[in-house]
Protein backbone atom coordinates (compact mmCIF):
# COMPACT_ATOMS: atom_id res chain seq x y z
CA MET A 1 124.87 244.78 167.41
CA THR A 2 127.78 246.43 165.63
CA GLU A 3 130.11 249.02 167.13
CA GLU A 4 128.41 251.67 164.96
CA ASP A 5 125.03 250.63 166.35
CA LYS A 6 126.34 250.87 169.90
CA LEU A 7 127.82 254.31 169.25
CA PHE A 8 124.57 255.55 167.69
CA GLN A 9 122.56 254.22 170.62
CA GLU A 10 124.93 255.93 173.06
CA ILE A 11 124.58 259.26 171.25
CA ILE A 12 120.79 258.96 171.32
CA GLN A 13 120.82 258.05 175.02
CA ASN A 14 123.08 260.99 175.88
CA PHE A 15 120.91 263.40 173.92
CA LEU A 16 117.73 262.17 175.54
CA ASN A 17 119.29 262.28 179.01
CA ASP A 18 120.32 265.93 178.53
CA SER A 19 116.74 267.17 178.80
CA PRO A 20 113.27 265.67 179.21
CA ASP A 21 112.16 267.79 176.22
CA HIS A 22 114.63 266.16 173.85
CA ARG A 23 112.45 263.08 173.36
CA LYS A 24 109.63 265.19 171.90
CA ILE A 25 112.03 267.48 170.02
CA LEU A 26 113.66 264.49 168.32
CA SER A 27 110.31 262.95 167.49
CA ASP A 28 108.85 266.16 166.06
CA GLY A 29 112.02 267.23 164.29
CA LEU A 30 112.53 263.91 162.51
CA LEU A 31 108.82 263.19 162.01
CA ILE A 32 109.02 259.89 163.86
CA SER A 33 106.91 258.48 166.64
CA LEU A 34 107.80 258.67 170.31
CA PRO A 35 107.90 254.85 170.50
CA THR A 36 110.51 254.90 167.70
CA VAL A 37 112.65 257.28 169.76
CA ASP A 38 112.28 254.91 172.72
CA ARG A 39 113.29 251.91 170.59
CA TRP A 40 116.40 253.74 169.37
CA LYS A 41 117.31 254.56 172.96
CA GLU A 42 116.99 250.87 173.85
CA GLY A 43 119.06 249.86 170.81
CA ARG A 44 116.18 248.19 169.01
CA ASN A 45 115.05 248.84 165.44
CA LEU A 46 117.82 251.37 164.79
CA PRO A 47 117.64 253.44 161.60
CA HIS A 48 119.58 252.45 158.50
CA GLY A 49 123.16 253.66 158.42
CA MET A 50 122.42 255.99 155.49
CA LEU A 51 119.96 257.95 157.66
CA ARG A 52 122.20 258.33 160.68
CA PRO A 53 124.32 261.28 159.47
CA ASN A 54 121.18 263.41 159.08
CA ILE A 55 119.92 262.34 162.50
CA LEU A 56 123.26 263.15 164.09
CA ASN A 57 123.33 266.54 162.33
CA PHE A 58 119.90 267.27 163.79
CA ILE A 59 121.09 266.34 167.27
CA ASN A 60 124.26 268.40 166.95
CA SER A 61 122.43 271.44 165.65
CA HIS A 62 119.92 271.21 168.48
CA ARG A 63 122.62 270.90 171.13
CA CYS A 64 124.37 273.97 169.73
CA SER A 65 121.18 276.03 169.79
CA CYS A 66 120.41 275.04 173.40
CA ARG A 67 123.69 276.25 174.88
C-alpha cells in the first residue's frame, strides 16, 4: 500500500467515524455500494487515483455543510 493509499484510507475512516450516517451518505452520493465503502475503509480495493480528487471534494463539501 502506498502512502497515498494510506492517506486516502485515513480520510475515509475519519469521515465515516464522524457520523453513523456518513456511510450511507457516501454510498448514495457517489453511487457506490455500501460494501465498497466498507472495503475503502479497510484499505481494500481502493479507487483509482484519478477518481480520488472528486471523492475527496464530495467529503469536504459534505463536512462543510454539516457544521
